[in-house]
């Protein structure tokens, strides 16, 4: 800590430190890898607009014909007004504004509202847990019912047999011998325990 402070206090050291930093900053501003993408994008868009004859003509028209500019402004304003005339959007906006005004105006109401929101969130978490538990229980019941159905059990058994036969068909001779030996061993050991 001490050498750093001493270096900061010494003006000669500080100047030596600033010179490479300034040089580095100068190279960064010219290096496209270090430049921020937004200004680059904006500059490119501006250059494209300058090169685009349609855009140039529109800008020129705006400067020469201010009434066209006014008409376009009115069109945009009309679109905005139409969006605001939608009663659902307007109602939502009014409620949001009223709530924010009420909350900022009355700190007690704000704290009560925060408590209520917290309890509502807690309740929804509890409800979500209950719902997930119900879904899990229903899935388990379905699986049990599915497995208890004799037709489903028969289908599952046939599918397993088919899978076993397909797997055996892919085995080599040595693997087949080994599989038969294991099967004999399993049969003997199960007969021994029976």
C-alpha atoms as a PDB file:
ATOM      1  CA  UNK A   1       0.000   0.000   0.000  1.00  0.00           C
ATOM      2  CA  UNK A   2       2.760   2.433   0.943  1.00  0.00           C
ATOM      3  CA  UNK A   3       4.802   2.226  -2.322  1.00  0.00           C
ATOM      4  CA  UNK A   4       1.626   2.783  -4.304  1.00  0.00           C
ATOM      5  CA  UNK A   5       0.749   5.899  -2.328  1.00  0.00           C
ATOM      6  CA  UNK A   6       4.300   7.185  -2.650  1.00  0.00           C
ATOM      7  CA  UNK A   7       4.149   6.642  -6.394  1.00  0.00           C
ATOM      8  CA  UNK A   8       0.838   8.490  -6.571  1.00  0.00           C
ATOM      9  CA  UNK A   9       2.253  11.435  -4.629  1.00  0.00           C
ATOM     10  CA  UNK A  10       5.353  11.725  -6.785  1.00  0.00           C
ATOM     11  CA  UNK A  11       4.347  13.905  -9.791  1.00  0.00           C
ATOM     12  CA  UNK A  12       7.178  12.626 -11.991  1.00  0.00           C
ATOM     13  CA  UNK A  13       6.079   8.996 -11.532  1.00  0.00           C
ATOM     14  CA  UNK A  14       2.485   9.942 -12.124  1.00  0.00           C
ATOM     15  CA  UNK A  15       3.384  11.714 -15.374  1.00  0.00           C
ATOM     16  CA  UNK A  16       5.421   8.707 -16.560  1.00  0.00           C
ATOM     17  CA  UNK A  17       2.430   6.487 -15.799  1.00  0.00           C
ATOM     18  CA  UNK A  18      -0.019   8.727 -17.635  1.00  0.00           C
ATOM     19  CA  UNK A  19       1.966   8.948 -20.869  1.00  0.00           C
ATOM     20  CA  UNK A  20       1.680   5.220 -21.748  1.00  0.00           C
ATOM     21  CA  UNK A  21      -1.948   5.231 -20.586  1.00  0.00           C
ATOM     22  CA  UNK A  22      -2.745   8.129 -22.897  1.00  0.00           C
ATOM     23  CA  UNK A  23      -0.937   6.410 -25.761  1.00  0.00           C
ATOM     24  CA  UNK A  24      -2.852   3.202 -25.070  1.00  0.00           C
ATOM     25  CA  UNK A  25      -6.163   5.082 -25.009  1.00  0.00           C
ATOM     26  CA  UNK A  26      -5.315   6.765 -28.295  1.00  0.00           C
ATOM     27  CA  UNK A  27      -4.625   3.412 -29.947  1.00  0.00           C
ATOM     28  CA  UNK A  28      -7.833   1.969 -28.469  1.00  0.00           C
ATOM     29  CA  UNK A  29      -9.985   4.681 -30.012  1.00  0.00           C
ATOM     30  CA  UNK A  30      -8.602   3.881 -33.460  1.00  0.00           C
ATOM     31  CA  UNK A  31      -8.623   0.097 -32.955  1.00  0.00           C
ATOM     32  CA  UNK A  32     -12.062  -1.245 -34.031  1.00  0.00           C
ATOM     33  CA  UNK A  33     -11.792  -4.158 -31.549  1.00  0.00           C
ATOM     34  CA  UNK A  34     -11.847  -1.741 -28.612  1.00  0.00           C
ATOM     35  CA  UNK A  35     -14.471   0.658 -29.906  1.00  0.00           C
ATOM     36  CA  UNK A  36     -17.965   0.454 -28.474  1.00  0.00           C
ATOM     37  CA  UNK A  37     -20.308  -1.226 -30.987  1.00  0.00           C
ATOM     38  CA  UNK A  38     -23.228   1.253 -30.646  1.00  0.00           C
ATOM     39  CA  UNK A  39     -21.369   4.322 -31.924  1.00  0.00           C
ATOM     40  CA  UNK A  40     -19.925   2.245 -34.742  1.00  0.00           C
ATOM     41  CA  UNK A  41     -23.391   1.014 -35.624  1.00  0.00           C
ATOM     42  CA  UNK A  42     -24.794   4.544 -35.426  1.00  0.00           C
ATOM     43  CA  UNK A  43     -22.004   5.931 -37.580  1.00  0.00           C
ATOM     44  CA  UNK A  44     -22.530   3.170 -40.141  1.00  0.00           C
ATOM     45  CA  UNK A  45     -26.290   3.787 -40.157  1.00  0.00           C
ATOM     46  CA  UNK A  46     -25.657   7.501 -40.592  1.00  0.00           C
ATOM     47  CA  UNK A  47     -23.256   6.796 -43.455  1.00  0.00           C
ATOM     48  CA  UNK A  48     -25.813   4.494 -45.092  1.00  0.00           C
ATOM     49  CA  UNK A  49     -28.496   7.164 -44.730  1.00  0.00           C
ATOM     50  CA  UNK A  50     -26.163   9.704 -46.292  1.00  0.00           C
ATOM     51  CA  UNK A  51     -25.448   7.328 -49.189  1.00  0.00           C
ATOM     52  CA  UNK A  52     -29.090   6.219 -49.585  1.00  0.00           C
ATOM     53  CA  UNK A  53     -30.640   8.598 -52.146  1.00  0.00           C
ATOM     54  CA  UNK A  54     -34.153   7.986 -50.791  1.00  0.00           C
ATOM     55  CA  UNK A  55     -33.145   8.976 -47.262  1.00  0.00           C
ATOM     56  CA  UNK A  56     -31.233  11.979 -48.554  1.00  0.00           C
ATOM     57  CA  UNK A  57     -34.276  13.029 -50.553  1.00  0.00           C
ATOM     58  CA  UNK A  58     -36.543  12.632 -47.504  1.00  0.00           C
ATOM     59  CA  UNK A  59     -34.196  14.748 -45.373  1.00  0.00           C
ATOM     60  CA  UNK A  60     -34.053  17.328 -48.130  1.00  0.00           C
ATOM     61  CA  UNK A  61     -37.864  17.352 -48.415  1.00  0.00           C
ATOM     62  CA  UNK A  62     -38.173  17.859 -44.678  1.00  0.00           C
ATOM     63  CA  UNK A  63     -35.892  20.854 -44.866  1.00  0.00           C
ATOM     64  CA  UNK A  64     -37.521  22.311 -47.990  1.00  0.00           C
ATOM     65  CA  UNK A  65     -41.150  21.385 -47.173  1.00  0.00           C
ATOM     66  CA  UNK A  66     -41.824  21.804 -43.485  1.00  0.00           C
ATOM     67  CA  UNK A  67     -45.542  21.040 -44.047  1.00  0.00           C
ATOM     68  CA  UNK A  68     -44.600  17.485 -45.129  1.00  0.00           C
ATOM     69  CA  UNK A  69     -42.630  17.159 -41.923  1.00  0.00           C
ATOM     70  CA  UNK A  70     -45.664  18.408 -39.978  1.00  0.00           C
ATOM     71  CA  UNK A  71     -47.944  15.892 -41.775  1.00  0.00           C
ATOM     72  CA  UNK A  72     -45.599  13.022 -40.927  1.00  0.00           C
ATOM     73  CA  UNK A  73     -45.457  14.198 -37.336  1.00  0.00           C
ATOM     74  CA  UNK A  74     -49.282  14.251 -37.223  1.00  0.00           C
ATOM     75  CA  UNK A  75     -49.442  10.724 -38.653  1.00  0.00           C
ATOM     76  CA  UNK A  76     -47.088   9.485 -35.936  1.00  0.00           C
ATOM     77  CA  UNK A  77     -49.061  11.344 -33.277  1.00  0.00           C
ATOM     78  CA  UNK A  78     -52.307   9.830 -34.580  1.00  0.00           C
ATOM     79  CA  UNK A  79     -50.858   6.304 -34.290  1.00  0.00           C
ATOM     80  CA  UNK A  80     -49.817   7.076 -30.744  1.00  0.00           C
ATOM     81  CA  UNK A  81     -53.292   8.410 -29.913  1.00  0.00           C
ATOM     82  CA  UNK A  82     -54.946   5.308 -31.384  1.00  0.00           C
ATOM     83  CA  UNK A  83     -52.796   3.133 -29.172  1.00  0.00           C
ATOM     84  CA  UNK A  84     -53.759   5.242 -26.176  1.00  0.00           C
ATOM     85  CA  UNK A  85     -57.461   5.032 -27.059  1.00  0.00           C
ATOM     86  CA  UNK A  86     -57.426   1.293 -26.452  1.00  0.00           C
ATOM     87  CA  UNK A  87     -59.469   1.130 -23.200  1.00  0.00           C
ATOM     88  CA  UNK A  88     -57.655  -1.896 -21.754  1.00  0.00           C
ATOM     89  CA  UNK A  89     -54.213  -0.365 -22.206  1.00  0.00           C
ATOM     90  CA  UNK A  90     -55.452   2.964 -20.902  1.00  0.00           C
ATOM     91  CA  UNK A  91     -57.048   1.361 -17.815  1.00  0.00           C
ATOM     92  CA  UNK A  92     -53.873  -0.559 -17.019  1.00  0.00           C
ATOM     93  CA  UNK A  93     -51.831   2.615 -17.414  1.00  0.00           C
ATOM     94  CA  UNK A  94     -54.212   4.563 -15.144  1.00  0.00           C
ATOM     95  CA  UNK A  95     -54.081   1.880 -12.438  1.00  0.00           C
ATOM     96  CA  UNK A  96     -50.307   1.741 -12.619  1.00  0.00           C
ATOM     97  CA  UNK A  97     -50.034   5.522 -12.335  1.00  0.00           C
ATOM     98  CA  UNK A  98     -52.533   5.669  -9.461  1.00  0.00           C
ATOM     99  CA  UNK A  99     -50.724   2.913  -7.584  1.00  0.00           C
ATOM    100  CA  UNK A 100     -47.358   4.564  -7.985  1.00  0.00           C
ATOM    101  CA  UNK A 101     -48.746   7.962  -6.904  1.00  0.00           C
ATOM    102  CA  UNK A 102     -50.500   6.412  -3.915  1.00  0.00           C
ATOM    103  CA  UNK A 103     -47.374   4.537  -2.887  1.00  0.00           C
ATOM    104  CA  UNK A 104     -45.110   7.556  -3.122  1.00  0.00           C
ATOM    105  CA  UNK A 105     -47.617   9.839  -1.413  1.00  0.00           C
ATOM    106  CA  UNK A 106     -48.415   7.595   1.568  1.00  0.00           C
ATOM    107  CA  UNK A 107     -45.505   5.701   3.169  1.00  0.00           C
ATOM    108  CA  UNK A 108     -47.838   3.711   5.480  1.00  0.00           C
ATOM    109  CA  UNK A 109     -49.917   2.494   2.538  1.00  0.00           C
ATOM    110  CA  UNK A 110     -46.695   1.675   0.720  1.00  0.00           C
ATOM    111  CA  UNK A 111     -45.428  -0.510   3.575  1.00  0.00           C
ATOM    112  CA  UNK A 112     -48.843  -2.212   3.869  1.00  0.00           C
ATOM    113  CA  UNK A 113     -48.852  -2.837   0.133  1.00  0.00           C
ATOM    114  CA  UNK A 114     -45.359  -4.308   0.313  1.00  0.00           C
ATOM    115  CA  UNK A 115     -46.441  -6.608   3.152  1.00  0.00           C
ATOM    116  CA  UNK A 116     -49.511  -7.658   1.204  1.00  0.00           C
ATOM    117  CA  UNK A 117     -47.450  -8.344  -1.917  1.00  0.00           C
ATOM    118  CA  UNK A 118     -45.017 -10.427   0.120  1.00  0.00           C
ATOM    119  CA  UNK A 119     -47.828 -12.469   1.676  1.00  0.00           C
ATOM    120  CA  UNK A 120     -49.406 -12.951  -1.754  1.00  0.00           C
ATOM    121  CA  UNK A 121     -46.088 -14.155  -3.153  1.00  0.00           C
ATOM    122  CA  UNK A 122     -45.679 -16.486  -0.189  1.00  0.00           C
ATOM    123  CA  UNK A 123     -49.193 -17.817  -0.789  1.00  0.00           C
ATOM    124  CA  UNK A 124     -48.494 -18.372  -4.459  1.00  0.00           C
ATOM    125  CA  UNK A 125     -45.288 -20.246  -3.567  1.00  0.00           C
ATOM    126  CA  UNK A 126     -47.294 -22.437  -1.206  1.00  0.00           C
ATOM    127  CA  UNK A 127     -49.949 -22.987  -3.876  1.00  0.00           C
ATOM    128  CA  UNK A 128     -47.243 -23.880  -6.402  1.00  0.00           C
ATOM    129  CA  UNK A 129     -45.791 -26.465  -4.004  1.00  0.00           C
ATOM    130  CA  UNK A 130     -49.256 -27.963  -3.454  1.00  0.00           C
ATOM    131  CA  UNK A 131     -49.921 -28.056  -7.203  1.00  0.00           C
ATOM    132  CA  UNK A 132     -46.578 -29.736  -7.933  1.00  0.00           C
ATOM    133  CA  UNK A 133     -47.279 -32.298  -5.211  1.00  0.00           C
ATOM    134  CA  UNK A 134     -50.702 -32.998  -6.731  1.00  0.00           C
ATOM    135  CA  UNK A 135     -49.170 -33.418 -10.195  1.00  0.00           C
ATOM    136  CA  UNK A 136     -46.549 -35.815  -8.820  1.00  0.00           C
ATOM    137  CA  UNK A 137     -49.225 -37.818  -7.003  1.00  0.00           C
ATOM    138  CA  UNK A 138     -51.378 -38.008 -10.148  1.00  0.00           C
ATOM    139  CA  UNK A 139     -48.390 -39.185 -12.190  1.00  0.00           C
ATOM    140  CA  UNK A 140     -47.610 -41.893  -9.634  1.00  0.00           C
ATOM    141  CA  UNK A 141     -51.261 -43.010  -9.625  1.00  0.00           C
ATOM    142  CA  UNK A 142     -51.260 -43.151 -13.406  1.00  0.00           C
ATOM    143  CA  UNK A 143     -48.105 -45.253 -13.452  1.00  0.00           C
ATOM    144  CA  UNK A 144     -49.535 -47.619 -10.830  1.00  0.00           C
ATOM    145  CA  UNK A 145     -52.824 -47.942 -12.726  1.00  0.00           C
ATOM    146  CA  UNK A 146     -50.947 -48.481 -15.981  1.00  0.00           C
ATOM    147  CA  UNK A 147     -48.771 -51.192 -14.479  1.00  0.00           C
ATOM    148  CA  UNK A 148     -51.712 -52.915 -12.790  1.00  0.00           C
ATOM    149  CA  UNK A 149     -53.566 -53.308 -16.092  1.00  0.00           C
ATOM    150  CA  UNK A 150     -52.832 -56.871 -17.339  1.00  0.00           C
ATOM    151  CA  UNK A 151     -52.924 -55.853 -21.011  1.00  0.00           C
ATOM    152  CA  UNK A 152     -50.336 -53.132 -20.423  1.00  0.00           C
ATOM    153  CA  UNK A 153     -48.145 -55.554 -18.486  1.00  0.00           C
ATOM    154  CA  UNK A 154     -48.389 -58.070 -21.331  1.00  0.00           C
ATOM    155  CA  UNK A 155     -47.480 -55.383 -23.894  1.00  0.00           C
ATOM    156  CA  UNK A 156     -44.521 -54.248 -21.790  1.00  0.00           C
ATOM    157  CA  UNK A 157     -43.351 -57.852 -21.410  1.00  0.00           C
ATOM    158  CA  UNK A 158     -43.581 -58.432 -25.160  1.00  0.00           C
ATOM    159  CA  UNK A 159     -41.670 -55.233 -25.872  1.00  0.00           C
ATOM    160  CA  UNK A 160     -38.952 -56.277 -23.414  1.00  0.00           C
ATOM    161  CA  UNK A 161     -38.767 -59.737 -25.025  1.00  0.00           C
ATOM    162  CA  UNK A 162     -38.428 -58.135 -28.448  1.00  0.00           C
ATOM    163  CA  UNK A 163     -35.643 -55.874 -27.170  1.00  0.00           C
ATOM    164  CA  UNK A 164     -33.860 -58.875 -25.675  1.00  0.00           C
ATOM    165  CA  UNK A 165     -34.150 -60.813 -28.940  1.00  0.00           C
ATOM    166  CA  UNK A 166     -32.824 -57.834 -30.917  1.00  0.00           C
ATOM    167  CA  UNK A 167     -29.911 -57.468 -28.512  1.00  0.00           C
ATOM    168  CA  UNK A 168     -29.118 -61.195 -28.745  1.00  0.00           C
ATOM    169  CA  UNK A 169     -29.178 -61.060 -32.548  1.00  0.00           C
ATOM    170  CA  UNK A 170     -26.425 -58.444 -32.405  1.00  0.00           C
ATOM    171  CA  UNK A 171     -24.177 -60.521 -30.110  1.00  0.00           C
ATOM    172  CA  UNK A 172     -21.166 -62.435 -31.480  1.00  0.00           C
ATOM    173  CA  UNK A 173     -20.660 -66.196 -30.928  1.00  0.00           C
ATOM    174  CA  UNK A 174     -18.423 -65.758 -27.866  1.00  0.00           C
ATOM    175  CA  UNK A 175     -20.848 -63.289 -26.341  1.00  0.00           C
ATOM    176  CA  UNK A 176     -23.724 -65.721 -27.014  1.00  0.00           C
ATOM    177  CA  UNK A 177     -21.861 -68.519 -25.177  1.00  0.00           C
ATOM    178  CA  UNK A 178     -21.139 -66.193 -22.279  1.00  0.00           C
ATOM    179  CA  UNK A 179     -24.797 -65.064 -22.195  1.00  0.00           C
ATOM    180  CA  UNK A 180     -26.029 -68.714 -22.155  1.00  0.00           C
ATOM    181  CA  UNK A 181     -23.605 -69.570 -19.346  1.00  0.00           C
ATOM    182  CA  UNK A 182     -24.837 -66.605 -17.299  1.00  0.00           C
ATOM    183  CA  UNK A 183     -28.441 -67.583 -17.964  1.00  0.00           C
ATOM    184  CA  UNK A 184     -27.791 -71.191 -16.828  1.00  0.00           C
ATOM    185  CA  UNK A 185     -26.092 -69.851 -13.722  1.00  0.00           C
ATOM    186  CA  UNK A 186     -29.072 -67.588 -12.992  1.00  0.00           C
ATOM    187  CA  UNK A 187     -31.522 -70.471 -13.424  1.00  0.00           C
ATOM    188  CA  UNK A 188     -29.473 -72.746 -11.144  1.00  0.00           C
ATOM    189  CA  UNK A 189     -29.080 -70.086  -8.450  1.00  0.00           C
ATOM    190  CA  UNK A 190     -32.799 -69.233  -8.520  1.00  0.00           C
ATOM    191  CA  UNK A 191     -33.689 -72.976  -8.358  1.00  0.00           C
ATOM    192  CA  UNK A 192     -31.358 -73.372  -5.394  1.00  0.00           C
ATOM    193  CA  UNK A 193     -33.129 -70.609  -3.441  1.00  0.00           C
ATOM    194  CA  UNK A 194     -36.636 -71.831  -4.376  1.00  0.00           C
END
